[in-house]
């Protein structure tokens, strides 16, 4: 019955995962299918940092005959993913800085060792990625699929002695082609179309 209260429709995101891969990677077929190998997990994230924001923009027409807008129309759409990564790795550095290069630096020693140099991308060379955000609540699964997104914010890291230092991943959804800019796959029966 429509409008009926149902506590099974409350979502508790017990487990969340973030996957990134090259633009053009085949998306997961459904909400529980094995994740394509080209999509890599970013690993551990802080427990309360994951956010998906959808931010449409509107303009209003005002008329002398009304105290309220007489017409409202949407001018653009925007969406972002925010999450703080706990695992420091070369690939996670590249993700939060929007690309960049990692090269090997050989230390002649003693002792001989291998070091690595990360160089952030230059202006105009940031790379887009595909992202999948997975949310699991018991037997319910949701996957936000974003075919194209890009890191478009600055990176601020706290290097405090008293807590872990995280890498802030902030991805802006990109559009401009015939694909859906983003969509959700789920096995939640509450999403079944009305008969």
N, C-alpha and C. Protein backbone atom coordinates (compact mmCIF):
# COMPACT_ATOMS: atom_id res chain seq x y z
N UNK A 1 0.85 -1.18 0.00
CA UNK A 1 0.00 0.00 0.00
C UNK A 1 0.90 1.24 0.00
N UNK A 2 0.59 2.19 -0.86
CA UNK A 2 1.38 3.41 -0.97
C UNK A 2 1.31 4.22 0.31
N UNK A 3 2.42 4.79 0.73
CA UNK A 3 2.45 5.63 1.91
C UNK A 3 2.56 4.86 3.21
N UNK A 4 2.63 3.55 3.14
CA UNK A 4 2.69 2.71 4.33
C UNK A 4 4.08 2.83 4.96
N UNK A 5 4.13 2.85 6.30
CA UNK A 5 5.44 2.90 6.96
C UNK A 5 6.09 1.52 6.90
N UNK A 6 7.42 1.53 6.66
CA UNK A 6 8.13 0.27 6.51
C UNK A 6 9.57 0.47 6.96
N UNK A 7 9.92 -0.06 8.14
CA UNK A 7 11.27 0.14 8.65
C UNK A 7 12.33 -0.61 7.83
N UNK A 8 11.93 -1.53 6.95
CA UNK A 8 12.88 -2.20 6.06
C UNK A 8 13.40 -1.26 4.98
N UNK A 9 12.77 -0.11 4.82
CA UNK A 9 13.22 0.86 3.82
C UNK A 9 14.18 1.89 4.40
N UNK A 10 14.60 1.69 5.65
CA UNK A 10 15.62 2.54 6.26
C UNK A 10 16.98 1.96 5.88
N UNK A 11 17.88 2.80 5.39
CA UNK A 11 19.20 2.33 4.97
C UNK A 11 20.23 2.60 6.05
N UNK A 12 20.95 1.56 6.45
CA UNK A 12 22.11 1.67 7.34
C UNK A 12 23.32 1.22 6.52
N UNK A 13 24.17 2.14 6.06
CA UNK A 13 25.31 1.74 5.23
C UNK A 13 26.37 1.01 6.06
N UNK A 14 26.15 -0.28 6.31
CA UNK A 14 27.04 -1.05 7.18
C UNK A 14 28.42 -1.22 6.56
N UNK A 15 28.47 -1.41 5.26
CA UNK A 15 29.74 -1.55 4.55
C UNK A 15 29.71 -0.67 3.31
N UNK A 16 30.78 0.08 3.10
CA UNK A 16 30.91 0.88 1.88
C UNK A 16 32.28 0.61 1.27
N UNK A 17 32.33 0.66 -0.06
CA UNK A 17 33.59 0.48 -0.78
C UNK A 17 33.62 1.44 -1.95
N UNK A 18 34.82 1.87 -2.31
CA UNK A 18 35.01 2.76 -3.46
C UNK A 18 35.95 2.07 -4.43
N UNK A 19 35.56 2.06 -5.70
CA UNK A 19 36.38 1.50 -6.76
C UNK A 19 36.64 2.57 -7.82
N UNK A 20 37.85 2.61 -8.34
CA UNK A 20 38.22 3.54 -9.40
C UNK A 20 38.86 2.77 -10.54
N UNK A 21 38.69 3.29 -11.75
CA UNK A 21 39.31 2.66 -12.92
C UNK A 21 39.36 3.62 -14.07
N UNK A 22 39.95 3.21 -15.17
CA UNK A 22 40.02 4.08 -16.35
C UNK A 22 38.64 4.35 -16.92
N UNK A 23 38.45 5.55 -17.48
CA UNK A 23 37.21 5.86 -18.18
C UNK A 23 37.05 4.85 -19.32
N UNK A 24 35.84 4.34 -19.50
CA UNK A 24 35.58 3.34 -20.52
C UNK A 24 35.59 1.92 -19.99
N UNK A 25 35.94 1.75 -18.72
CA UNK A 25 35.90 0.42 -18.10
C UNK A 25 34.46 -0.09 -18.10
N UNK A 26 34.28 -1.37 -18.36
CA UNK A 26 32.95 -1.96 -18.32
C UNK A 26 32.40 -1.86 -16.90
N UNK A 27 31.18 -1.36 -16.79
CA UNK A 27 30.55 -1.20 -15.48
C UNK A 27 30.08 -2.56 -14.97
N UNK A 28 29.93 -2.71 -13.64
CA UNK A 28 29.35 -3.95 -13.13
C UNK A 28 27.96 -4.14 -13.72
N UNK A 29 27.61 -5.39 -14.00
CA UNK A 29 26.35 -5.68 -14.68
C UNK A 29 25.13 -5.44 -13.80
N UNK A 30 25.29 -5.61 -12.49
CA UNK A 30 24.17 -5.43 -11.58
C UNK A 30 24.70 -5.09 -10.19
N UNK A 31 23.84 -5.18 -9.19
CA UNK A 31 24.20 -4.74 -7.84
C UNK A 31 25.09 -5.72 -7.08
N UNK A 32 25.21 -6.97 -7.55
CA UNK A 32 26.00 -7.97 -6.82
C UNK A 32 27.01 -8.71 -7.70
N UNK A 33 27.03 -8.45 -8.99
CA UNK A 33 27.97 -9.13 -9.89
C UNK A 33 29.40 -8.82 -9.47
N UNK A 34 30.32 -9.72 -9.83
CA UNK A 34 31.72 -9.50 -9.51
C UNK A 34 32.19 -8.20 -10.14
N UNK A 35 32.96 -7.43 -9.38
CA UNK A 35 33.46 -6.15 -9.87
C UNK A 35 34.48 -6.40 -10.98
N UNK A 36 34.36 -5.70 -12.11
CA UNK A 36 35.35 -5.87 -13.18
C UNK A 36 36.77 -5.64 -12.66
N UNK A 37 37.73 -6.42 -13.15
CA UNK A 37 39.10 -6.36 -12.63
C UNK A 37 39.77 -5.02 -12.90
N UNK A 38 39.31 -4.27 -13.90
CA UNK A 38 39.91 -2.97 -14.18
C UNK A 38 39.56 -1.92 -13.13
N UNK A 39 38.55 -2.21 -12.30
CA UNK A 39 38.18 -1.30 -11.21
C UNK A 39 38.89 -1.75 -9.94
N UNK A 40 39.72 -0.89 -9.36
CA UNK A 40 40.49 -1.25 -8.17
C UNK A 40 39.88 -0.58 -6.94
N UNK A 41 39.91 -1.29 -5.84
CA UNK A 41 39.43 -0.74 -4.58
C UNK A 41 40.45 0.26 -4.05
N UNK A 42 39.97 1.39 -3.49
CA UNK A 42 40.88 2.35 -2.87
C UNK A 42 41.26 1.90 -1.47
N UNK A 43 40.65 0.81 -0.98
CA UNK A 43 40.98 0.28 0.34
C UNK A 43 40.19 0.94 1.45
N UNK A 44 40.83 1.06 2.60
CA UNK A 44 40.15 1.56 3.79
C UNK A 44 39.85 3.05 3.69
N UNK A 45 38.67 3.43 4.19
CA UNK A 45 38.26 4.84 4.26
C UNK A 45 37.74 5.11 5.67
N UNK A 46 37.70 6.38 6.06
CA UNK A 46 37.16 6.69 7.39
C UNK A 46 35.67 6.36 7.42
N UNK A 47 35.17 6.02 8.59
CA UNK A 47 33.83 5.44 8.66
C UNK A 47 32.69 6.41 8.41
N UNK A 48 32.89 7.70 8.57
CA UNK A 48 31.78 8.63 8.39
C UNK A 48 32.03 9.68 7.31
N UNK A 49 32.99 9.45 6.41
CA UNK A 49 33.34 10.51 5.45
C UNK A 49 32.64 10.39 4.10
N UNK A 50 32.08 9.22 3.76
CA UNK A 50 31.53 9.03 2.41
C UNK A 50 30.25 9.84 2.21
N UNK A 51 30.25 10.64 1.13
CA UNK A 51 29.07 11.44 0.78
C UNK A 51 28.91 11.45 -0.73
N UNK A 52 27.66 11.35 -1.19
CA UNK A 52 27.33 11.56 -2.60
C UNK A 52 26.37 12.73 -2.65
N UNK A 53 26.75 13.80 -3.33
CA UNK A 53 25.93 15.01 -3.39
C UNK A 53 25.44 15.25 -4.80
N UNK A 54 24.15 15.50 -4.95
CA UNK A 54 23.57 15.90 -6.23
C UNK A 54 23.08 17.33 -6.08
N UNK A 55 23.56 18.22 -6.94
CA UNK A 55 23.30 19.65 -6.76
C UNK A 55 22.81 20.32 -8.04
N UNK A 56 21.51 20.19 -8.35
CA UNK A 56 20.97 20.90 -9.51
C UNK A 56 20.92 22.40 -9.25
N UNK A 57 21.06 23.17 -10.32
CA UNK A 57 20.98 24.63 -10.22
C UNK A 57 19.75 25.13 -10.99
N UNK A 58 19.09 26.13 -10.43
CA UNK A 58 17.84 26.63 -11.00
C UNK A 58 17.89 28.15 -11.14
N UNK A 59 17.11 28.65 -12.07
CA UNK A 59 16.85 30.08 -12.21
C UNK A 59 15.35 30.28 -12.08
N UNK A 60 14.97 31.47 -11.61
CA UNK A 60 13.55 31.76 -11.44
C UNK A 60 13.17 33.01 -12.23
N UNK A 61 11.97 32.94 -12.77
CA UNK A 61 11.39 34.10 -13.45
C UNK A 61 10.42 34.75 -12.47
N UNK A 62 10.58 36.05 -12.26
CA UNK A 62 9.67 36.77 -11.37
C UNK A 62 8.84 37.74 -12.19
N UNK A 63 7.60 37.92 -11.77
CA UNK A 63 6.67 38.80 -12.47
C UNK A 63 6.05 39.78 -11.49
N UNK A 64 5.68 40.94 -11.99
CA UNK A 64 5.11 41.99 -11.14
C UNK A 64 3.78 41.57 -10.52
N UNK A 65 3.13 40.59 -11.13
CA UNK A 65 1.81 40.19 -10.65
C UNK A 65 1.83 39.13 -9.55
N UNK A 66 3.02 38.71 -9.13
CA UNK A 66 3.09 37.64 -8.13
C UNK A 66 4.25 37.85 -7.18
N UNK A 67 4.01 37.53 -5.90
CA UNK A 67 5.09 37.58 -4.91
C UNK A 67 5.98 36.34 -4.99
N UNK A 68 5.52 35.34 -5.73
CA UNK A 68 6.26 34.09 -5.90
C UNK A 68 6.81 34.01 -7.32
N UNK A 69 7.83 33.21 -7.54
CA UNK A 69 8.30 33.02 -8.92
C UNK A 69 7.17 32.49 -9.79
N UNK A 70 7.09 32.96 -11.00
CA UNK A 70 6.04 32.48 -11.91
C UNK A 70 6.53 31.32 -12.78
N UNK A 71 7.84 31.14 -12.82
CA UNK A 71 8.39 29.96 -13.51
C UNK A 71 9.78 29.69 -12.96
N UNK A 72 10.09 28.40 -12.79
CA UNK A 72 11.41 27.97 -12.35
C UNK A 72 11.92 26.96 -13.36
N UNK A 73 13.18 27.11 -13.77
CA UNK A 73 13.73 26.16 -14.73
C UNK A 73 15.15 25.79 -14.33
N UNK A 74 15.51 24.55 -14.62
CA UNK A 74 16.83 24.04 -14.27
C UNK A 74 17.84 24.47 -15.32
N UNK A 75 18.97 25.01 -14.87
CA UNK A 75 20.00 25.48 -15.79
C UNK A 75 21.19 24.54 -15.90
N UNK A 76 21.46 23.76 -14.88
CA UNK A 76 22.58 22.83 -14.93
C UNK A 76 22.42 21.77 -13.85
N UNK A 77 23.28 20.78 -13.92
CA UNK A 77 23.27 19.72 -12.92
C UNK A 77 24.70 19.49 -12.46
N UNK A 78 24.88 19.02 -11.26
CA UNK A 78 26.21 18.71 -10.73
C UNK A 78 26.07 17.63 -9.68
N UNK A 79 27.12 16.82 -9.55
CA UNK A 79 27.14 15.79 -8.51
C UNK A 79 28.59 15.56 -8.11
N UNK A 80 28.80 15.22 -6.83
CA UNK A 80 30.15 14.99 -6.33
C UNK A 80 30.18 13.79 -5.39
N UNK A 81 31.36 13.17 -5.30
CA UNK A 81 31.63 12.12 -4.34
C UNK A 81 32.70 12.65 -3.41
N UNK A 82 32.53 12.45 -2.10
CA UNK A 82 33.54 12.84 -1.12
C UNK A 82 33.82 11.64 -0.22
N UNK A 83 35.10 11.36 0.01
CA UNK A 83 35.48 10.31 0.94
C UNK A 83 36.93 10.53 1.34
N UNK A 84 37.27 10.17 2.56
CA UNK A 84 38.64 10.29 3.04
C UNK A 84 39.30 8.92 3.04
N UNK A 85 40.38 8.79 2.28
CA UNK A 85 41.10 7.53 2.14
C UNK A 85 42.11 7.38 3.27
N UNK A 86 42.12 6.23 3.91
CA UNK A 86 43.08 5.99 4.99
C UNK A 86 44.38 5.36 4.48
N UNK A 87 44.32 4.70 3.35
CA UNK A 87 45.50 4.01 2.84
C UNK A 87 46.31 4.91 1.91
N UNK A 88 47.58 5.12 2.29
CA UNK A 88 48.50 5.89 1.47
C UNK A 88 49.18 4.92 0.49
N UNK A 89 48.96 5.12 -0.79
CA UNK A 89 49.60 4.33 -1.83
C UNK A 89 49.80 5.23 -3.04
N UNK A 90 50.63 4.79 -3.95
CA UNK A 90 50.86 5.58 -5.16
C UNK A 90 49.58 5.81 -5.94
N UNK A 91 48.76 4.76 -6.09
CA UNK A 91 47.52 4.90 -6.87
C UNK A 91 46.53 5.82 -6.15
N UNK A 92 46.48 5.76 -4.82
CA UNK A 92 45.59 6.67 -4.10
C UNK A 92 46.08 8.11 -4.17
N UNK A 93 47.40 8.33 -4.14
CA UNK A 93 47.93 9.67 -4.34
C UNK A 93 47.52 10.20 -5.72
N UNK A 94 47.67 9.37 -6.74
CA UNK A 94 47.29 9.79 -8.10
C UNK A 94 45.79 10.12 -8.16
N UNK A 95 44.97 9.36 -7.43
CA UNK A 95 43.53 9.60 -7.44
C UNK A 95 43.20 10.95 -6.80
N UNK A 96 43.77 11.25 -5.62
CA UNK A 96 43.39 12.48 -4.93
C UNK A 96 44.00 13.73 -5.56
N UNK A 97 45.07 13.57 -6.33
CA UNK A 97 45.65 14.73 -7.01
C UNK A 97 45.23 14.83 -8.47
N UNK A 98 44.38 13.92 -8.94
CA UNK A 98 43.89 14.00 -10.31
C UNK A 98 44.89 13.54 -11.34
N UNK A 99 45.76 12.65 -10.97
CA UNK A 99 46.77 12.14 -11.90
C UNK A 99 48.16 12.32 -11.33
N UNK A 100 49.11 12.55 -12.23
CA UNK A 100 50.49 12.70 -11.81
C UNK A 100 51.31 11.49 -12.20
N UNK A 101 52.60 11.54 -11.90
CA UNK A 101 53.49 10.44 -12.27
C UNK A 101 54.26 9.96 -11.05
N UNK A 102 54.60 8.69 -11.09
CA UNK A 102 55.44 8.10 -10.04
C UNK A 102 56.66 7.50 -10.74
N UNK A 103 57.84 7.91 -10.31
CA UNK A 103 59.07 7.39 -10.88
C UNK A 103 59.93 6.78 -9.79
N UNK A 104 60.84 5.92 -10.20
CA UNK A 104 61.73 5.25 -9.26
C UNK A 104 63.01 6.07 -9.11
N UNK A 105 63.43 6.23 -7.87
CA UNK A 105 64.68 6.92 -7.56
C UNK A 105 65.59 5.91 -6.87
N UNK A 106 66.75 5.67 -7.43
CA UNK A 106 67.67 4.70 -6.83
C UNK A 106 68.64 5.43 -5.90
N UNK A 107 68.71 4.96 -4.69
CA UNK A 107 69.63 5.52 -3.70
C UNK A 107 70.88 4.65 -3.71
N UNK A 108 72.05 5.27 -3.91
CA UNK A 108 73.28 4.49 -4.02
C UNK A 108 73.80 4.02 -2.68
N UNK A 109 73.29 4.61 -1.61
CA UNK A 109 73.58 4.07 -0.29
C UNK A 109 74.86 4.60 0.32
N UNK A 110 75.45 3.93 1.29
CA UNK A 110 74.90 2.69 1.85
C UNK A 110 73.76 2.97 2.83
N UNK A 111 72.83 2.08 3.03
CA UNK A 111 72.62 0.90 2.20
C UNK A 111 71.89 1.28 0.91
N UNK A 112 72.04 0.49 -0.13
CA UNK A 112 71.32 0.72 -1.39
C UNK A 112 69.84 0.51 -1.14
N UNK A 113 69.03 1.36 -1.73
CA UNK A 113 67.58 1.26 -1.52
C UNK A 113 66.86 1.85 -2.72
N UNK A 114 65.60 1.54 -2.83
CA UNK A 114 64.76 2.12 -3.88
C UNK A 114 63.77 3.07 -3.24
N UNK A 115 63.70 4.28 -3.76
CA UNK A 115 62.72 5.28 -3.32
C UNK A 115 61.85 5.64 -4.51
N UNK A 116 60.77 6.37 -4.23
CA UNK A 116 59.82 6.71 -5.29
C UNK A 116 59.51 8.20 -5.22
N UNK A 117 59.31 8.79 -6.39
CA UNK A 117 59.01 10.22 -6.48
C UNK A 117 57.63 10.38 -7.12
N UNK A 118 56.73 11.07 -6.39
CA UNK A 118 55.42 11.41 -6.93
C UNK A 118 55.43 12.86 -7.38
N UNK A 119 55.01 13.11 -8.62
CA UNK A 119 54.91 14.46 -9.16
C UNK A 119 53.45 14.70 -9.55
N UNK A 120 52.80 15.72 -8.96
CA UNK A 120 51.39 15.97 -9.30
C UNK A 120 51.24 16.43 -10.75
N UNK A 121 50.02 16.32 -11.31
CA UNK A 121 49.83 16.70 -12.71
C UNK A 121 49.98 18.20 -12.91
N UNK A 122 50.42 18.56 -14.10
CA UNK A 122 50.51 19.97 -14.46
C UNK A 122 49.14 20.47 -14.87
N UNK A 123 48.99 21.78 -14.94
CA UNK A 123 47.72 22.37 -15.37
C UNK A 123 47.35 21.82 -16.75
N UNK A 124 46.13 21.37 -16.88
CA UNK A 124 45.64 20.83 -18.15
C UNK A 124 45.88 19.34 -18.33
N UNK A 125 46.52 18.69 -17.36
CA UNK A 125 46.80 17.26 -17.54
C UNK A 125 46.14 16.37 -16.48
N UNK A 126 45.14 16.90 -15.79
CA UNK A 126 44.39 16.04 -14.85
C UNK A 126 43.65 14.97 -15.65
N UNK A 127 43.50 13.81 -15.04
CA UNK A 127 42.85 12.70 -15.74
C UNK A 127 41.49 12.39 -15.11
N UNK A 128 40.57 11.99 -15.97
CA UNK A 128 39.27 11.54 -15.52
C UNK A 128 39.36 10.07 -15.15
N UNK A 129 38.47 9.63 -14.27
CA UNK A 129 38.39 8.22 -13.87
C UNK A 129 36.93 7.80 -13.86
N UNK A 130 36.73 6.49 -13.87
CA UNK A 130 35.41 5.93 -13.61
C UNK A 130 35.36 5.56 -12.13
N UNK A 131 34.21 5.71 -11.50
CA UNK A 131 34.08 5.38 -10.08
C UNK A 131 32.82 4.55 -9.84
N UNK A 132 32.92 3.63 -8.89
CA UNK A 132 31.76 2.88 -8.40
C UNK A 132 31.78 2.96 -6.88
N UNK A 133 30.68 3.43 -6.31
CA UNK A 133 30.51 3.49 -4.86
C UNK A 133 29.55 2.37 -4.48
N UNK A 134 30.01 1.47 -3.63
CA UNK A 134 29.20 0.32 -3.22
C UNK A 134 28.74 0.51 -1.78
N UNK A 135 27.45 0.32 -1.56
CA UNK A 135 26.85 0.44 -0.23
C UNK A 135 26.09 -0.85 0.06
N UNK A 136 26.37 -1.46 1.21
CA UNK A 136 25.71 -2.72 1.56
C UNK A 136 25.04 -2.57 2.92
N UNK A 137 23.77 -2.97 2.97
CA UNK A 137 23.01 -2.98 4.22
C UNK A 137 22.35 -4.35 4.33
N UNK A 138 23.02 -5.26 5.03
CA UNK A 138 22.48 -6.63 5.14
C UNK A 138 22.40 -7.26 3.77
N UNK A 139 21.18 -7.63 3.37
CA UNK A 139 20.97 -8.25 2.06
C UNK A 139 20.69 -7.27 0.94
N UNK A 140 20.73 -5.97 1.25
CA UNK A 140 20.47 -4.96 0.22
C UNK A 140 21.80 -4.38 -0.27
N UNK A 141 21.92 -4.25 -1.58
CA UNK A 141 23.14 -3.75 -2.21
C UNK A 141 22.80 -2.58 -3.13
N UNK A 142 23.64 -1.57 -3.08
CA UNK A 142 23.50 -0.41 -3.97
C UNK A 142 24.86 -0.11 -4.58
N UNK A 143 24.88 0.19 -5.85
CA UNK A 143 26.11 0.61 -6.51
C UNK A 143 25.84 1.89 -7.30
N UNK A 144 26.49 2.96 -6.87
CA UNK A 144 26.47 4.21 -7.64
C UNK A 144 27.55 4.07 -8.70
N UNK A 145 27.17 4.16 -9.96
CA UNK A 145 28.11 4.02 -11.07
C UNK A 145 28.29 5.39 -11.72
N UNK A 146 29.53 5.86 -11.77
CA UNK A 146 29.85 7.16 -12.35
C UNK A 146 30.86 6.92 -13.48
N UNK A 147 30.40 6.93 -14.74
CA UNK A 147 31.30 6.62 -15.85
C UNK A 147 32.48 7.57 -15.99
N UNK A 148 32.28 8.85 -15.64
CA UNK A 148 33.37 9.83 -15.78
C UNK A 148 33.31 10.81 -14.61
N UNK A 149 34.44 10.97 -13.92
CA UNK A 149 34.53 11.97 -12.87
C UNK A 149 35.98 12.42 -12.74
N UNK A 150 36.19 13.54 -12.07
CA UNK A 150 37.53 14.12 -11.97
C UNK A 150 37.72 14.79 -10.63
N UNK A 151 38.92 14.65 -10.08
CA UNK A 151 39.28 15.37 -8.86
C UNK A 151 39.37 16.85 -9.21
N UNK A 152 38.56 17.68 -8.56
CA UNK A 152 38.50 19.10 -8.94
C UNK A 152 38.62 20.03 -7.75
N UNK A 153 39.16 19.53 -6.64
CA UNK A 153 39.37 20.39 -5.48
C UNK A 153 40.82 20.30 -5.06
N UNK A 154 41.24 21.27 -4.28
CA UNK A 154 42.58 21.22 -3.71
C UNK A 154 42.67 20.10 -2.69
N UNK A 155 43.89 19.74 -2.32
CA UNK A 155 44.12 18.65 -1.36
C UNK A 155 44.72 19.24 -0.10
N UNK A 156 44.01 19.08 1.01
CA UNK A 156 44.50 19.56 2.30
C UNK A 156 44.62 18.35 3.24
N UNK A 157 45.84 18.09 3.71
CA UNK A 157 46.07 16.94 4.58
C UNK A 157 46.51 17.42 5.95
N UNK A 158 45.90 16.86 6.99
CA UNK A 158 46.36 17.12 8.35
C UNK A 158 47.44 16.09 8.68
N UNK A 159 48.58 16.58 9.10
CA UNK A 159 49.67 15.68 9.48
C UNK A 159 49.89 15.80 10.99
N UNK A 160 48.83 15.45 11.72
CA UNK A 160 48.85 15.56 13.18
C UNK A 160 49.40 14.29 13.80
N UNK A 161 50.05 14.43 14.92
CA UNK A 161 50.65 13.29 15.62
C UNK A 161 49.62 12.38 16.28
N UNK A 162 48.44 12.92 16.58
CA UNK A 162 47.48 12.19 17.41
C UNK A 162 46.42 11.41 16.64
N UNK A 163 46.44 11.44 15.30
CA UNK A 163 45.45 10.67 14.53
C UNK A 163 46.01 10.36 13.15
N UNK A 164 45.36 9.42 12.47
CA UNK A 164 45.84 9.05 11.14
C UNK A 164 45.65 10.20 10.17
N UNK A 165 46.53 10.30 9.18
CA UNK A 165 46.41 11.32 8.15
C UNK A 165 45.73 10.71 6.94
N UNK A 166 44.70 11.36 6.45
CA UNK A 166 43.90 10.80 5.36
C UNK A 166 44.14 11.56 4.06
N UNK A 167 43.80 10.91 2.96
CA UNK A 167 43.87 11.53 1.63
C UNK A 167 42.45 11.87 1.22
N UNK A 168 42.12 13.16 1.04
CA UNK A 168 40.74 13.55 0.73
C UNK A 168 40.42 13.40 -0.76
N UNK A 169 39.60 12.42 -1.09
CA UNK A 169 39.17 12.21 -2.47
C UNK A 169 37.88 12.98 -2.70
N UNK A 170 37.90 13.92 -3.65
CA UNK A 170 36.73 14.75 -3.96
C UNK A 170 36.53 14.72 -5.47
N UNK A 171 35.58 13.93 -5.94
CA UNK A 171 35.38 13.73 -7.37
C UNK A 171 34.12 14.44 -7.85
N UNK A 172 34.24 15.18 -8.95
CA UNK A 172 33.10 15.85 -9.58
C UNK A 172 32.65 15.05 -10.79
N UNK A 173 31.37 14.73 -10.86
CA UNK A 173 30.82 13.96 -11.97
C UNK A 173 30.90 14.79 -13.24
N UNK A 174 31.33 14.14 -14.34
CA UNK A 174 31.43 14.80 -15.64
C UNK A 174 30.36 14.25 -16.57
N UNK A 175 29.90 15.06 -17.51
CA UNK A 175 28.91 14.63 -18.49
C UNK A 175 29.41 14.95 -19.89
N UNK A 176 28.47 15.20 -20.80
CA UNK A 176 28.84 15.66 -22.13
C UNK A 176 28.74 14.63 -23.22
N UNK A 177 28.24 13.45 -22.91
CA UNK A 177 28.05 12.46 -23.97
C UNK A 177 26.68 11.80 -23.77
N UNK A 178 26.44 10.71 -24.49
CA UNK A 178 25.12 10.08 -24.44
C UNK A 178 24.93 9.15 -23.25
N UNK A 179 26.00 8.92 -22.47
CA UNK A 179 25.88 8.05 -21.30
C UNK A 179 25.18 8.78 -20.16
N UNK A 180 24.57 8.01 -19.27
CA UNK A 180 24.05 8.61 -18.03
C UNK A 180 25.25 9.14 -17.24
N UNK A 181 25.15 10.35 -16.71
CA UNK A 181 26.25 10.92 -15.93
C UNK A 181 26.50 10.09 -14.68
N UNK A 182 25.46 9.53 -14.09
CA UNK A 182 25.56 8.60 -12.97
C UNK A 182 24.25 7.85 -12.85
N UNK A 183 24.31 6.67 -12.24
CA UNK A 183 23.10 5.89 -11.99
C UNK A 183 23.35 4.93 -10.83
N UNK A 184 22.26 4.36 -10.30
CA UNK A 184 22.34 3.44 -9.17
C UNK A 184 21.81 2.08 -9.60
N UNK A 185 22.57 1.02 -9.28
CA UNK A 185 22.10 -0.36 -9.43
C UNK A 185 21.77 -0.89 -8.04
N UNK A 186 20.63 -1.55 -7.88
CA UNK A 186 20.26 -2.10 -6.58
C UNK A 186 19.42 -3.33 -6.72
N UNK A 187 19.49 -4.20 -5.70
CA UNK A 187 18.59 -5.35 -5.62
C UNK A 187 17.52 -5.12 -4.55
N UNK A 188 17.40 -3.90 -4.06
CA UNK A 188 16.43 -3.56 -3.02
C UNK A 188 15.02 -3.64 -3.60
N UNK A 189 14.15 -4.53 -3.08
CA UNK A 189 12.79 -4.66 -3.63
C UNK A 189 11.96 -3.39 -3.51
N UNK A 190 12.35 -2.47 -2.63
CA UNK A 190 11.59 -1.22 -2.49
C UNK A 190 11.69 -0.37 -3.75
N UNK A 191 12.65 -0.68 -4.64
CA UNK A 191 12.81 0.09 -5.88
C UNK A 191 12.00 -0.47 -7.04
N UNK A 192 11.31 -1.59 -6.83
CA UNK A 192 10.54 -2.20 -7.93
C UNK A 192 9.49 -1.22 -8.44
N UNK A 193 9.38 -1.07 -9.78
CA UNK A 193 8.37 -0.15 -10.33
C UNK A 193 6.97 -0.54 -9.89
N UNK A 194 6.12 0.45 -9.72
CA UNK A 194 4.73 0.19 -9.34
C UNK A 194 4.02 -0.56 -10.46
N UNK A 195 3.17 -1.48 -10.05
CA UNK A 195 2.45 -2.30 -11.04
C UNK A 195 1.37 -1.48 -11.70
